[in-house]
C-alpha atoms as a PDB file:
ATOM      1  CA  MET A   1     222.462-124.320  37.004  1.00  0.00           C
ATOM      2  CA  LYS A   2     225.536-122.071  37.149  1.00  0.00           C
ATOM      3  CA  LEU A   3     226.831-120.848  33.813  1.00  0.00           C
ATOM      4  CA  ASP A   4     229.992-122.592  32.592  1.00  0.00           C
ATOM      5  CA  LEU A   5     231.321-119.585  30.706  1.00  0.00           C
ATOM      6  CA  LYS A   6     234.242-121.359  29.063  1.00  0.00           C
ATOM      7  CA  GLN A   7     232.065-124.161  27.729  1.00  0.00           C
ATOM      8  CA  HIS A   8     229.353-121.712  26.626  1.00  0.00           C
ATOM      9  CA  LEU A   9     231.875-119.668  24.651  1.00  0.00           C
ATOM     10  CA  LYS A  10     233.606-122.688  23.113  1.00  0.00           C
ATOM     11  CA  GLU A  11     230.255-124.066  21.957  1.00  0.00           C
ATOM     12  CA  MET A  12     229.378-120.758  20.292  1.00  0.00           C
ATOM     13  CA  ILE A  13     232.709-120.353  18.483  1.00  0.00           C
ATOM     14  CA  SER A  14     232.488-123.920  17.197  1.00  0.00           C
ATOM     15  CA  ALA A  15     229.270-123.102  15.341  1.00  0.00           C
ATOM     16  CA  PRO A  16     228.750-121.455  11.954  1.00  0.00           C
ATOM     17  CA  GLY A  17     226.320-118.576  11.515  1.00  0.00           C
ATOM     18  CA  LEU A  18     227.364-116.132   8.806  1.00  0.00           C
ATOM     19  CA  SER A  19     225.503-112.870   8.297  1.00  0.00           C
ATOM     20  CA  GLY A  20     222.067-113.769   6.965  1.00  0.00           C
ATOM     21  CA  TYR A  21     222.577-117.447   7.867  1.00  0.00           C
ATOM     22  CA  GLU A  22     222.536-117.272  11.670  1.00  0.00           C
ATOM     23  CA  ALA A  23     220.262-120.263  12.411  1.00  0.00           C
ATOM     24  CA  PRO A  24     222.959-122.594  13.873  1.00  0.00           C
ATOM     25  CA  ILE A  25     224.332-120.061  16.357  1.00  0.00           C
ATOM     26  CA  ARG A  26     220.870-118.675  17.145  1.00  0.00           C
ATOM     27  CA  GLU A  27     219.721-122.060  18.436  1.00  0.00           C
ATOM     28  CA  ILE A  28     222.765-122.386  20.697  1.00  0.00           C
ATOM     29  CA  ILE A  29     222.101-118.948  22.180  1.00  0.00           C
ATOM     30  CA  ARG A  30     218.396-119.725  22.520  1.00  0.00           C
ATOM     31  CA  THR A  31     219.259-122.792  24.619  1.00  0.00           C
ATOM     32  CA  ALA A  32     221.446-120.691  26.920  1.00  0.00           C
ATOM     33  CA  TRP A  33     219.020-117.767  27.256  1.00  0.00           C
ATOM     34  CA  GLN A  34     215.745-119.686  27.532  1.00  0.00           C
ATOM     35  CA  PRO A  35     216.034-120.533  31.260  1.00  0.00           C
ATOM     36  CA  LEU A  36     217.115-116.952  32.016  1.00  0.00           C
ATOM     37  CA  SER A  37     214.183-115.306  30.224  1.00  0.00           C
ATOM     38  CA  ASP A  38     210.435-114.902  30.598  1.00  0.00           C
ATOM     39  CA  GLU A  39     209.886-114.816  26.838  1.00  0.00           C
ATOM     40  CA  ILE A  40     212.056-115.479  23.806  1.00  0.00           C
ATOM     41  CA  ARG A  41     211.356-114.852  20.126  1.00  0.00           C
ATOM     42  CA  VAL A  42     212.950-114.377  16.696  1.00  0.00           C
ATOM     43  CA  ASN A  43     212.362-111.241  14.636  1.00  0.00           C
ATOM     44  CA  ASN A  44     211.699-111.077  10.900  1.00  0.00           C
ATOM     45  CA  LEU A  45     215.422-110.810  10.057  1.00  0.00           C
ATOM     46  CA  GLY A  46     216.625-113.583  12.363  1.00  0.00           C
ATOM     47  CA  SER A  47     217.680-111.715  15.517  1.00  0.00           C
ATOM     48  CA  LEU A  48     217.021-113.495  18.824  1.00  0.00           C
ATOM     49  CA  GLN A  49     215.168-111.409  21.432  1.00  0.00           C
ATOM     50  CA  ALA A  50     214.945-112.524  25.072  1.00  0.00           C
ATOM     51  CA  ILE A  51     212.824-110.666  27.617  1.00  0.00           C
ATOM     52  CA  GLN A  52     213.568-110.736  31.335  1.00  0.00           C
ATOM     53  CA  ARG A  53     210.783-108.822  33.074  1.00  0.00           C
ATOM     54  CA  GLY A  54     211.466-106.438  35.931  1.00  0.00           C
ATOM     55  CA  GLU A  55     209.619-106.065  39.214  1.00  0.00           C
ATOM     56  CA  GLY A  56     208.551-102.453  38.798  1.00  0.00           C
ATOM     57  CA  PRO A  57     204.907-101.456  38.238  1.00  0.00           C
ATOM     58  CA  GLU A  58     203.595-101.597  34.693  1.00  0.00           C
ATOM     59  CA  PRO A  59     204.171 -99.999  32.290  1.00  0.00           C
ATOM     60  CA  ARG A  60     207.835-100.600  33.083  1.00  0.00           C
ATOM     61  CA  PRO A  61     210.754 -98.895  31.358  1.00  0.00           C
ATOM     62  CA  SER A  62     212.987-101.186  29.315  1.00  0.00           C
ATOM     63  CA  VAL A  63     216.658-101.430  28.456  1.00  0.00           C
ATOM     64  CA  MET A  64     217.942-103.273  25.387  1.00  0.00           C
ATOM     65  CA  ILE A  65     221.287-105.117  25.526  1.00  0.00           C
ATOM     66  CA  ALA A  66     222.504-105.787  21.978  1.00  0.00           C
ATOM     67  CA  ALA A  67     225.363-108.043  20.861  1.00  0.00           C
ATOM     68  CA  HIS A  68     225.592-109.283  17.290  1.00  0.00           C
ATOM     69  CA  MET A  69     225.869-113.028  16.777  1.00  0.00           C
ATOM     70  CA  ASP A  70     226.658-113.204  13.048  1.00  0.00           C
ATOM     71  CA  ALA A  71     230.061-114.053  11.614  1.00  0.00           C
ATOM     72  CA  ILE A  72     232.181-113.161   8.626  1.00  0.00           C
ATOM     73  CA  GLY A  73     232.932-115.840   6.042  1.00  0.00           C
ATOM     74  CA  LEU A  74     232.754-116.703   2.360  1.00  0.00           C
ATOM     75  CA  MET A  75     230.173-117.516  -0.330  1.00  0.00           C
ATOM     76  CA  VAL A  76     230.579-119.751  -3.392  1.00  0.00           C
ATOM     77  CA  THR A  77     230.502-117.733  -6.631  1.00  0.00           C
ATOM     78  CA  GLY A  78     231.575-120.385  -9.107  1.00  0.00           C
ATOM     79  CA  ILE A  79     232.752-123.968  -9.600  1.00  0.00           C
ATOM     80  CA  ASP A  80     235.873-124.560 -11.674  1.00  0.00           C
ATOM     81  CA  ALA A  81     236.783-128.219 -12.384  1.00  0.00           C
ATOM     82  CA  GLY A  82     235.559-129.186  -8.921  1.00  0.00           C
ATOM     83  CA  PHE A  83     237.241-126.296  -7.098  1.00  0.00           C
ATOM     84  CA  LEU A  84     235.184-123.476  -5.618  1.00  0.00           C
ATOM     85  CA  ARG A  85     235.615-119.794  -6.300  1.00  0.00           C
ATOM     86  CA  PHE A  86     234.259-117.438  -3.668  1.00  0.00           C
ATOM     87  CA  MET A  87     233.603-113.922  -2.450  1.00  0.00           C
ATOM     88  CA  GLN A  88     233.532-112.426   1.035  1.00  0.00           C
ATOM     89  CA  VAL A  89     230.623-112.224   3.459  1.00  0.00           C
ATOM     90  CA  GLY A  90     231.613-109.287   5.659  1.00  0.00           C
ATOM     91  CA  GLY A  91     235.162-108.031   6.039  1.00  0.00           C
ATOM     92  CA  VAL A  92     237.609-110.868   5.327  1.00  0.00           C
ATOM     93  CA  ASP A  93     241.262-110.046   4.662  1.00  0.00           C
ATOM     94  CA  PRO A  94     242.392-112.302   1.768  1.00  0.00           C
ATOM     95  CA  ARG A  95     245.922-112.411   3.228  1.00  0.00           C
ATOM     96  CA  ILE A  96     244.823-114.748   6.034  1.00  0.00           C
ATOM     97  CA  LEU A  97     242.985-117.219   3.795  1.00  0.00           C
ATOM     98  CA  PRO A  98     245.604-119.505   2.141  1.00  0.00           C
ATOM     99  CA  GLY A  99     245.867-122.746   4.112  1.00  0.00           C
ATOM    100  CA  GLN A 100     242.787-122.120   6.257  1.00  0.00           C
ATOM    101  CA  MET A 101     240.496-125.024   7.054  1.00  0.00           C
ATOM    102  CA  VAL A 102     236.871-124.210   6.260  1.00  0.00           C
ATOM    103  CA  THR A 103     233.443-125.853   6.077  1.00  0.00           C
ATOM    104  CA  VAL A 104     231.351-125.654   2.919  1.00  0.00           C
ATOM    105  CA  HIS A 105     227.656-125.716   3.778  1.00  0.00           C
ATOM    106  CA  ALA A 106     226.539-127.506   0.629  1.00  0.00           C
ATOM    107  CA  ALA A 107     222.819-127.059  -0.031  1.00  0.00           C
ATOM    108  CA  ASN A 108     222.301-128.540  -3.494  1.00  0.00           C
ATOM    109  CA  ALA A 109     220.981-131.831  -2.070  1.00  0.00           C
ATOM    110  CA  GLU A 110     217.729-132.255  -0.130  1.00  0.00           C
ATOM    111  CA  VAL A 111     219.621-131.929   3.162  1.00  0.00           C
ATOM    112  CA  THR A 112     222.462-129.426   3.643  1.00  0.00           C
ATOM    113  CA  ARG A 113     225.790-131.213   4.040  1.00  0.00           C
ATOM    114  CA  ASP A 114     228.781-129.750   5.818  1.00  0.00           C
ATOM    115  CA  LEU A 115     231.847-130.518   3.716  1.00  0.00           C
ATOM    116  CA  PRO A 116     235.329-130.180   5.229  1.00  0.00           C
ATOM    117  CA  ALA A 117     237.576-128.185   2.933  1.00  0.00           C
ATOM    118  CA  MET A 118     240.571-125.871   2.740  1.00  0.00           C
ATOM    119  CA  VAL A 119     241.500-122.643   0.999  1.00  0.00           C
ATOM    120  CA  VAL A 120     244.294-123.333  -1.477  1.00  0.00           C
ATOM    121  CA  MET A 121     246.434-121.450  -3.967  1.00  0.00           C
ATOM    122  CA  PRO A 122     248.071-122.528  -7.228  1.00  0.00           C
ATOM    123  CA  PRO A 123     251.872-122.809  -7.255  1.00  0.00           C
ATOM    124  CA  PRO A 124     253.634-119.517  -8.116  1.00  0.00           C
ATOM    125  CA  ALA A 125     254.883-120.901 -11.433  1.00  0.00           C
ATOM    126  CA  LEU A 126     251.290-121.175 -12.674  1.00  0.00           C
ATOM    127  CA  LEU A 127     250.221-117.690 -11.563  1.00  0.00           C
ATOM    128  CA  PRO A 128     250.201-114.506 -13.653  1.00  0.00           C
ATOM    129  CA  LYS A 129     252.773-111.824 -12.908  1.00  0.00           C
ATOM    130  CA  ASP A 130     250.592-110.022 -10.340  1.00  0.00           C
ATOM    131  CA  GLY A 131     250.336-113.202  -8.246  1.00  0.00           C
ATOM    132  CA  LYS A 132     253.967-114.288  -8.147  1.00  0.00           C
ATOM    133  CA  SER A 133     255.016-112.145  -5.168  1.00  0.00           C
ATOM    134  CA  GLY A 134     253.402-110.518  -2.159  1.00  0.00           C
ATOM    135  CA  PRO A 135     249.931-111.313  -0.822  1.00  0.00           C
ATOM    136  CA  LEU A 136     247.958-113.332  -3.356  1.00  0.00           C
ATOM    137  CA  PRO A 137     244.826-111.571  -4.672  1.00  0.00           C
ATOM    138  CA  GLN A 138     241.610-113.323  -3.685  1.00  0.00           C
ATOM    139  CA  LYS A 139     240.680-113.998  -7.326  1.00  0.00           C
ATOM    140  CA  TYR A 140     243.401-116.660  -7.489  1.00  0.00           C
ATOM    141  CA  LEU A 141     242.355-118.513  -4.331  1.00  0.00           C
ATOM    142  CA  LEU A 142     240.185-121.646  -4.431  1.00  0.00           C
ATOM    143  CA  VAL A 143     238.421-123.944  -1.984  1.00  0.00           C
ATOM    144  CA  ASP A 144     239.184-127.672  -2.270  1.00  0.00           C
ATOM    145  CA  THR A 145     236.704-130.172  -0.795  1.00  0.00           C
ATOM    146  CA  GLY A 146     238.611-133.245  -1.963  1.00  0.00           C
ATOM    147  CA  LEU A 147     235.586-134.353  -4.004  1.00  0.00           C
ATOM    148  CA  THR A 148     235.535-135.118  -7.717  1.00  0.00           C
ATOM    149  CA  PRO A 149     234.095-132.504 -10.086  1.00  0.00           C
ATOM    150  CA  ASP A 150     230.941-134.597 -10.520  1.00  0.00           C
ATOM    151  CA  GLU A 151     230.480-134.945  -6.751  1.00  0.00           C
ATOM    152  CA  VAL A 152     230.964-131.217  -6.233  1.00  0.00           C
ATOM    153  CA  LYS A 153     228.425-130.457  -8.972  1.00  0.00           C
ATOM    154  CA  GLU A 154     225.929-132.773  -7.279  1.00  0.00           C
ATOM    155  CA  LEU A 155     226.317-131.277  -3.796  1.00  0.00           C
ATOM    156  CA  VAL A 156     227.428-127.644  -4.080  1.00  0.00           C
ATOM    157  CA  ARG A 157     225.666-124.699  -5.649  1.00  0.00           C
ATOM    158  CA  VAL A 158     226.608-121.104  -6.291  1.00  0.00           C
ATOM    159  CA  GLY A 159     225.442-119.123  -3.253  1.00  0.00           C
ATOM    160  CA  ASP A 160     226.370-121.743  -0.635  1.00  0.00           C
ATOM    161  CA  VAL A 161     228.209-120.252   2.329  1.00  0.00           C
ATOM    162  CA  ILE A 162     231.602-121.243   3.699  1.00  0.00           C
ATOM    163  CA  SER A 163     232.559-120.799   7.353  1.00  0.00           C
ATOM    164  CA  PHE A 164     235.891-120.992   9.149  1.00  0.00           C
ATOM    165  CA  ALA A 165     236.566-124.347  10.827  1.00  0.00           C
ATOM    166  CA  THR A 166     239.178-123.421  13.436  1.00  0.00           C
ATOM    167  CA  GLU A 167     238.749-125.417  16.652  1.00  0.00           C
ATOM    168  CA  PRO A 168     238.656-123.443  19.925  1.00  0.00           C
ATOM    169  CA  MET A 169     241.961-123.431  21.754  1.00  0.00           C
ATOM    170  CA  GLU A 170     242.544-122.675  25.432  1.00  0.00           C
ATOM    171  CA  LEU A 171     245.580-120.464  25.906  1.00  0.00           C
ATOM    172  CA  CYS A 172     247.288-119.316  29.092  1.00  0.00           C
ATOM    173  CA  SER A 173     245.779-116.870  31.602  1.00  0.00           C
ATOM    174  CA  GLU A 174     242.135-117.754  30.898  1.00  0.00           C
ATOM    175  CA  SER A 175     242.385-116.814  27.236  1.00  0.00           C
ATOM    176  CA  ILE A 176     240.509-118.498  24.387  1.00  0.00           C
ATOM    177  CA  SER A 177     241.377-118.487  20.675  1.00  0.00           C
ATOM    178  CA  GLY A 178     239.080-119.320  17.788  1.00  0.00           C
ATOM    179  CA  HIS A 179     236.941-117.935  15.005  1.00  0.00           C
ATOM    180  CA  THR A 180     233.887-115.658  15.469  1.00  0.00           C
ATOM    181  CA  LEU A 181     234.906-114.403  18.907  1.00  0.00           C
ATOM    182  CA  ASP A 182     233.809-111.220  17.164  1.00  0.00           C
ATOM    183  CA  ASN A 183     231.191-111.062  18.456  1.00  0.00           C
ATOM    184  CA  ARG A 184     230.256-114.194  20.366  1.00  0.00           C
ATOM    185  CA  ALA A 185     232.491-113.085  23.212  1.00  0.00           C
ATOM    186  CA  SER A 186     229.995-110.239  23.686  1.00  0.00           C
ATOM    187  CA  VAL A 187     227.032-112.611  23.434  1.00  0.00           C
ATOM    188  CA  ALA A 188     228.652-114.575  26.259  1.00  0.00           C
ATOM    189  CA  ALA A 189     228.902-111.360  28.312  1.00  0.00           C
ATOM    190  CA  VAL A 190     225.165-110.813  27.787  1.00  0.00           C
ATOM    191  CA  THR A 191     224.574-114.364  29.053  1.00  0.00           C
ATOM    192  CA  VAL A 192     226.634-113.537  32.157  1.00  0.00           C
ATOM    193  CA  ALA A 193     224.515-110.409  32.721  1.00  0.00           C
ATOM    194  CA  LEU A 194     221.243-112.296  32.275  1.00  0.00           C
ATOM    195  CA  GLU A 195     222.332-114.957  34.750  1.00  0.00           C
ATOM    196  CA  MET A 196     223.253-112.341  37.354  1.00  0.00           C
ATOM    197  CA  LEU A 197     220.028-110.391  36.823  1.00  0.00           C
ATOM    198  CA  SER A 198     217.950-113.570  37.104  1.00  0.00           C
ATOM    199  CA  LYS A 199     219.115-113.752  40.742  1.00  0.00           C
ATOM    200  CA  ARG A 200     218.793-110.045  41.499  1.00  0.00           C
ATOM    201  CA  LYS A 201     215.874-107.688  41.942  1.00  0.00           C
ATOM    202  CA  HIS A 202     215.627-105.208  39.074  1.00  0.00           C
ATOM    203  CA  LEU A 203     212.797-102.830  38.301  1.00  0.00           C
ATOM    204  CA  TRP A 204     213.316-102.495  34.550  1.00  0.00           C
ATOM    205  CA  ASP A 205     212.482-104.958  31.793  1.00  0.00           C
ATOM    206  CA  VAL A 206     215.633-106.276  30.147  1.00  0.00           C
ATOM    207  CA  MET A 207     215.515-106.997  26.406  1.00  0.00           C
ATOM    208  CA  ALA A 208     218.596-109.037  25.472  1.00  0.00           C
ATOM    209  CA  VAL A 209     219.141-109.258  21.724  1.00  0.00           C
ATOM    210  CA  ALA A 210     221.565-111.351  19.678  1.00  0.00           C
ATOM    211  CA  THR A 211     221.390-109.256  16.528  1.00  0.00           C
ATOM    212  CA  SER A 212     221.712-110.537  12.984  1.00  0.00           C
ATOM    213  CA  GLN A 213     223.653-109.212   9.985  1.00  0.00           C
ATOM    214  CA  GLU A 214     225.850-106.701  11.811  1.00  0.00           C
ATOM    215  CA  GLU A 215     228.867-107.575   9.691  1.00  0.00           C
ATOM    216  CA  VAL A 216     227.049-106.538   6.514  1.00  0.00           C
ATOM    217  CA  GLY A 217     225.547-103.283   7.745  1.00  0.00           C
ATOM    218  CA  GLY A 218     223.894-103.477  11.174  1.00  0.00           C
ATOM    219  CA  ILE A 219     220.680-104.660   9.571  1.00  0.00           C
ATOM    220  CA  GLY A 220     219.263-106.751  12.407  1.00  0.00           C
ATOM    221  CA  ALA A 221     219.858-104.079  15.042  1.00  0.00           C
ATOM    222  CA  MET A 222     217.924-101.489  13.021  1.00  0.00           C
ATOM    223  CA  THR A 223     214.800-103.618  13.024  1.00  0.00           C
ATOM    224  CA  ASP A 224     215.239-104.809  16.623  1.00  0.00           C
ATOM    225  CA  ALA A 225     215.372-101.255  17.913  1.00  0.00           C
ATOM    226  CA  VAL A 226     212.257-100.231  15.998  1.00  0.00           C
ATOM    227  CA  ALA A 227     210.321-103.277  17.227  1.00  0.00           C
ATOM    228  CA  ILE A 228     211.414-103.119  20.871  1.00  0.00           C
ATOM    229  CA  LYS A 229     211.460 -99.323  21.332  1.00  0.00           C
ATOM    230  CA  PRO A 230     213.633 -99.453  24.467  1.00  0.00           C
ATOM    231  CA  ASP A 231     214.097 -96.408  26.659  1.00  0.00           C
ATOM    232  CA  PHE A 232     217.828 -96.794  26.068  1.00  0.00           C
ATOM    233  CA  ALA A 233     220.245 -99.442  24.817  1.00  0.00           C
ATOM    234  CA  ILE A 234     223.569-100.950  25.823  1.00  0.00           C
ATOM    235  CA  VAL A 235     225.598-102.191  22.864  1.00  0.00           C
ATOM    236  CA  ILE A 236     228.496-104.545  23.497  1.00  0.00           C
ATOM    237  CA  ASP A 237     231.026-105.509  20.853  1.00  0.00           C
ATOM    238  CA  VAL A 238     234.690-106.399  20.663  1.00  0.00           C
ATOM    239  CA  THR A 239     237.409-103.804  20.246  1.00  0.00           C
ATOM    240  CA  PHE A 240     241.141-103.873  19.643  1.00  0.00           C
ATOM    241  CA  ALA A 241     243.403-105.397  22.271  1.00  0.00           C
ATOM    242  CA  LYS A 242     247.104-104.716  22.555  1.00  0.00           C
ATOM    243  CA  ALA A 243     248.834-107.061  20.131  1.00  0.00           C
ATOM    244  CA  PRO A 244     251.965-107.137  17.968  1.00  0.00           C
ATOM    245  CA  GLY A 245     252.092-103.803  16.158  1.00  0.00           C
ATOM    246  CA  GLY A 246     249.028-102.472  17.979  1.00  0.00           C
ATOM    247  CA  ALA A 247     249.946-101.110  21.374  1.00  0.00           C
ATOM    248  CA  GLY A 248     249.031 -97.447  20.946  1.00  0.00           C
ATOM    249  CA  ILE A 249     245.951 -95.336  21.652  1.00  0.00           C
ATOM    250  CA  GLY A 250     242.747 -97.308  21.215  1.00  0.00           C
ATOM    251  CA  ASN A 251     244.315-100.664  22.052  1.00  0.00           C
ATOM    252  CA  PHE A 252     243.460-102.158  25.425  1.00  0.00           C
ATOM    253  CA  GLU A 253     245.238-104.660  27.657  1.00  0.00           C
ATOM    254  CA  MET A 254     243.487-108.029  27.682  1.00  0.00           C
ATOM    255  CA  GLY A 255     242.285-109.230  31.070  1.00  0.00           C
ATOM    256  CA  LYS A 256     242.678-105.818  32.697  1.00  0.00           C
ATOM    257  CA  VAL A 257     240.013-103.338  31.580  1.00  0.00           C
ATOM    258  CA  THR A 258     236.560-102.856  30.064  1.00  0.00           C
ATOM    259  CA  PRO A 259     236.524-100.157  27.357  1.00  0.00           C
ATOM    260  CA  LEU A 260     233.648 -97.667  27.732  1.00  0.00           C
ATOM    261  CA  THR A 261     233.042 -95.855  24.456  1.00  0.00           C
ATOM    262  CA  TRP A 262     232.998 -92.067  24.254  1.00  0.00           C
ATOM    263  CA  GLY A 263     231.856 -90.489  20.995  1.00  0.00           C
ATOM    264  CA  SER A 264     229.020 -89.527  18.711  1.00  0.00           C
ATOM    265  CA  CYS A 265     227.039 -92.760  19.133  1.00  0.00           C
ATOM    266  CA  ASN A 266     227.138 -92.712  22.925  1.00  0.00           C
ATOM    267  CA  HIS A 267     224.891 -90.571  25.098  1.00  0.00           C
ATOM    268  CA  PRO A 268     226.960 -88.483  27.547  1.00  0.00           C
ATOM    269  CA  ALA A 269     224.486 -88.968  30.427  1.00  0.00           C
ATOM    270  CA  LEU A 270     224.593 -92.742  30.000  1.00  0.00           C
ATOM    271  CA  HIS A 271     228.390 -92.660  29.855  1.00  0.00           C
ATOM    272  CA  LYS A 272     228.485 -90.731  33.119  1.00  0.00           C
ATOM    273  CA  ALA A 273     226.044 -93.130  34.803  1.00  0.00           C
ATOM    274  CA  MET A 274     227.903 -96.251  33.603  1.00  0.00           C
ATOM    275  CA  GLN A 275     231.201 -94.784  34.772  1.00  0.00           C
ATOM    276  CA  ALA A 276     229.658 -94.129  38.199  1.00  0.00           C
ATOM    277  CA  THR A 277     228.544 -97.757  38.449  1.00  0.00           C
ATOM    278  CA  ALA A 278     232.016 -98.963  37.487  1.00  0.00           C
ATOM    279  CA  ASP A 279     233.540 -96.730  40.168  1.00  0.00           C
ATOM    280  CA  GLU A 280     231.051 -97.939  42.799  1.00  0.00           C
ATOM    281  CA  TYR A 281     231.814-101.610  42.199  1.00  0.00           C
ATOM    282  CA  GLU A 282     235.532-101.093  41.506  1.00  0.00           C
ATOM    283  CA  ILE A 283     235.253-102.361  37.938  1.00  0.00           C
ATOM    284  CA  ASN A 284     238.194-101.111  35.908  1.00  0.00           C
ATOM    285  CA  VAL A 285     237.034 -99.237  32.791  1.00  0.00           C
ATOM    286  CA  ALA A 286     238.854 -97.062  30.256  1.00  0.00           C
ATOM    287  CA  LYS A 287     237.534 -94.472  27.832  1.00  0.00           C
ATOM    288  CA  GLU A 288     237.533 -95.650  24.213  1.00  0.00           C
ATOM    289  CA  LEU A 289     237.369 -92.758  21.780  1.00  0.00           C
ATOM    290  CA  ALA A 290     234.996 -93.075  18.814  1.00  0.00           C
ATOM    291  CA  PRO A 291     234.425 -89.489  17.618  1.00  0.00           C
ATOM    292  CA  THR A 292     232.817 -90.432  14.303  1.00  0.00           C
ATOM    293  CA  GLY A 293     231.181 -93.752  15.223  1.00  0.00           C
ATOM    294  CA  SER A 294     232.412 -97.131  16.371  1.00  0.00           C
ATOM    295  CA  GLY A 295     231.498 -99.367  13.435  1.00  0.00           C
ATOM    296  CA  THR A 296     229.055-101.366  15.551  1.00  0.00           C
ATOM    297  CA  ASP A 297     225.304-101.711  16.092  1.00  0.00           C
ATOM    298  CA  ALA A 298     225.405 -98.554  18.239  1.00  0.00           C
ATOM    299  CA  TRP A 299     224.738 -96.159  15.358  1.00  0.00           C
ATOM    300  CA  ASP A 300     221.943 -98.298  13.890  1.00  0.00           C
ATOM    301  CA  ILE A 301     220.117 -98.390  17.229  1.00  0.00           C
ATOM    302  CA  GLN A 302     220.749 -94.737  18.048  1.00  0.00           C
ATOM    303  CA  VAL A 303     218.983 -93.465  14.911  1.00  0.00           C
ATOM    304  CA  ALA A 304     215.933 -95.757  15.139  1.00  0.00           C
ATOM    305  CA  GLU A 305     212.535 -94.103  15.516  1.00  0.00           C
ATOM    306  CA  ALA A 306     213.016 -90.612  17.020  1.00  0.00           C
ATOM    307  CA  GLY A 307     216.418 -91.592  18.437  1.00  0.00           C
ATOM    308  CA  ILE A 308     217.365 -94.061  21.193  1.00  0.00           C
ATOM    309  CA  PRO A 309     220.048 -93.151  23.764  1.00  0.00           C
ATOM    310  CA  VAL A 310     222.936 -95.629  23.562  1.00  0.00           C
ATOM    311  CA  ILE A 311     225.990 -96.530  25.615  1.00  0.00           C
ATOM    312  CA  GLU A 312     228.606 -98.968  24.371  1.00  0.00           C
ATOM    313  CA  LEU A 313     231.015-101.375  26.057  1.00  0.00           C
ATOM    314  CA  GLY A 314     233.920-103.228  24.492  1.00  0.00           C
ATOM    315  CA  ILE A 315     235.780-106.488  25.018  1.00  0.00           C
ATOM    316  CA  PRO A 316     239.476-106.370  24.015  1.00  0.00           C
ATOM    317  CA  LEU A 317     240.190-108.805  21.167  1.00  0.00           C
ATOM    318  CA  ARG A 318     243.392-109.726  19.370  1.00  0.00           C
ATOM    319  CA  TYR A 319     243.602-110.549  15.635  1.00  0.00           C
ATOM    320  CA  MET A 320     240.124-109.278  14.731  1.00  0.00           C
ATOM    321  CA  HIS A 321     238.447-110.777  11.656  1.00  0.00           C
ATOM    322  CA  THR A 322     240.774-113.766  11.507  1.00  0.00           C
ATOM    323  CA  PRO A 323     240.123-117.433  12.397  1.00  0.00           C
ATOM    324  CA  VAL A 324     242.458-117.130  15.424  1.00  0.00           C
ATOM    325  CA  GLU A 325     240.931-114.261  17.405  1.00  0.00           C
ATOM    326  CA  VAL A 326     241.822-114.189  21.116  1.00  0.00           C
ATOM    327  CA  VAL A 327     239.893-112.928  24.165  1.00  0.00           C
ATOM    328  CA  SER A 328     240.187-113.215  27.936  1.00  0.00           C
ATOM    329  CA  LEU A 329     237.388-114.820  29.936  1.00  0.00           C
ATOM    330  CA  LYS A 330     238.117-112.227  32.627  1.00  0.00           C
ATOM    331  CA  ASP A 331     237.033-109.440  30.264  1.00  0.00           C
ATOM    332  CA  ILE A 332     233.806-111.245  29.390  1.00  0.00           C
ATOM    333  CA  ARG A 333     232.920-111.716  33.065  1.00  0.00           C
ATOM    334  CA  ARG A 334     233.792-108.118  33.887  1.00  0.00           C
ATOM    335  CA  ALA A 335     231.664-106.689  31.073  1.00  0.00           C
ATOM    336  CA  GLY A 336     228.729-108.930  32.001  1.00  0.00           C
ATOM    337  CA  ARG A 337     228.943-107.901  35.643  1.00  0.00           C
ATOM    338  CA  LEU A 338     229.123-104.187  34.787  1.00  0.00           C
ATOM    339  CA  MET A 339     225.957-104.427  32.687  1.00  0.00           C
ATOM    340  CA  ALA A 340     224.137-106.387  35.398  1.00  0.00           C
ATOM    341  CA  GLU A 341     225.110-104.015  38.220  1.00  0.00           C
ATOM    342  CA  PHE A 342     224.139-101.006  36.133  1.00  0.00           C
ATOM    343  CA  ILE A 343     220.707-102.395  35.247  1.00  0.00           C
ATOM    344  CA  ALA A 344     220.007-103.677  38.760  1.00  0.00           C
ATOM    345  CA  GLY A 345     220.590-100.186  40.109  1.00  0.00           C
ATOM    346  CA  LEU A 346     218.299 -98.342  37.679  1.00  0.00           C
ATOM    347  CA  PRO A 347     215.500 -96.412  39.393  1.00  0.00           C
ATOM    348  CA  LEU A 348     212.166 -96.160  37.615  1.00  0.00           C
ATOM    349  CA  ASP A 349     212.671 -92.442  36.936  1.00  0.00           C
ATOM    350  CA  PHE A 350     216.212 -92.854  35.554  1.00  0.00           C
ATOM    351  CA  MET A 351     215.299 -91.492  32.105  1.00  0.00           C
ATOM    352  CA  LYS A 352     214.622 -88.071  33.632  1.00  0.00           C
ATOM    353  CA  THR A 353     218.388 -87.807  34.060  1.00  0.00           C
ATOM    354  CA  VAL A 354     219.209 -88.816  30.482  1.00  0.00           C
ATOM    355  CA  ILE A 355     219.410 -85.363  28.939  1.00  0.00           C
ATOM    356  CA  TRP A 356     221.772 -84.435  26.113  1.00  0.00           C
ATOM    357  CA  GLU A 357     223.933 -81.557  27.297  1.00  0.00           C
END
């Protein structure tokens, strides 16, 4: 069955799956990757690992493709007269929270209940002086489920997580808006690559990984890299697209280009080889500079064991870490194709060329 990329992406960005609580999104990805893989498993920290075996003689070299699946969100820290106080899970800017629709994953009952809710703020007249003007500090924000205090006490507990509830929206020019496109857009690109490779001859084993807990420290990727021990890894994550106020260096045009990272976490020989593949297949790439690291799983994989060579791709994204992120389906397809063409062309002795110079 041919991949319906738009539907696949919309299904993923409709699901919760905060860092450390990835089960809902993991099962959606498992369903998509299962028919494209020879083996699929979950590691001890919740990452999903899919193996697509190559046709080369054993023992075959292996390449790991890593894209984190976890999302930012909130966690209940207290209950005040039926309203919920909260803290962040990952990097959430409090300025975007007032008025947002959210889902409280209430786990105080025998079965977790998903409660529709919204982030609210008291009227200015009731706020202290530091909350009367400008962005409201997070400590004054609350989550309202519409339930009575007794009902909230019965259903909700401190430690329950809260996810964004924005519905996916199709925009013009094959663009999609929604929450958690960071980084489920990249997971979708891995699905594109797996589908292409399932129809192509490739000599290497491909280890596709939807990593856990990237937003809180790259924790899943560290353990995945140690367990898999790939010969090298491709990390794919979102990066900054040109947007209002962000059209300078390091911001990429949506729908036009695939950023190819250049910096301390990216092996120069892999960069050169990936660039050559892009040139061969006329895939438009641009150098993204990350001299001190890219803030992704790349560093965590690179320093595993005795060191794993890494190359990193990006997908341009507008409004990062908000519930209305935007990506282009064209960029997802392009990134998936670049990874597939690169892997399909790997000779068995490729690692002899991967020398740090």
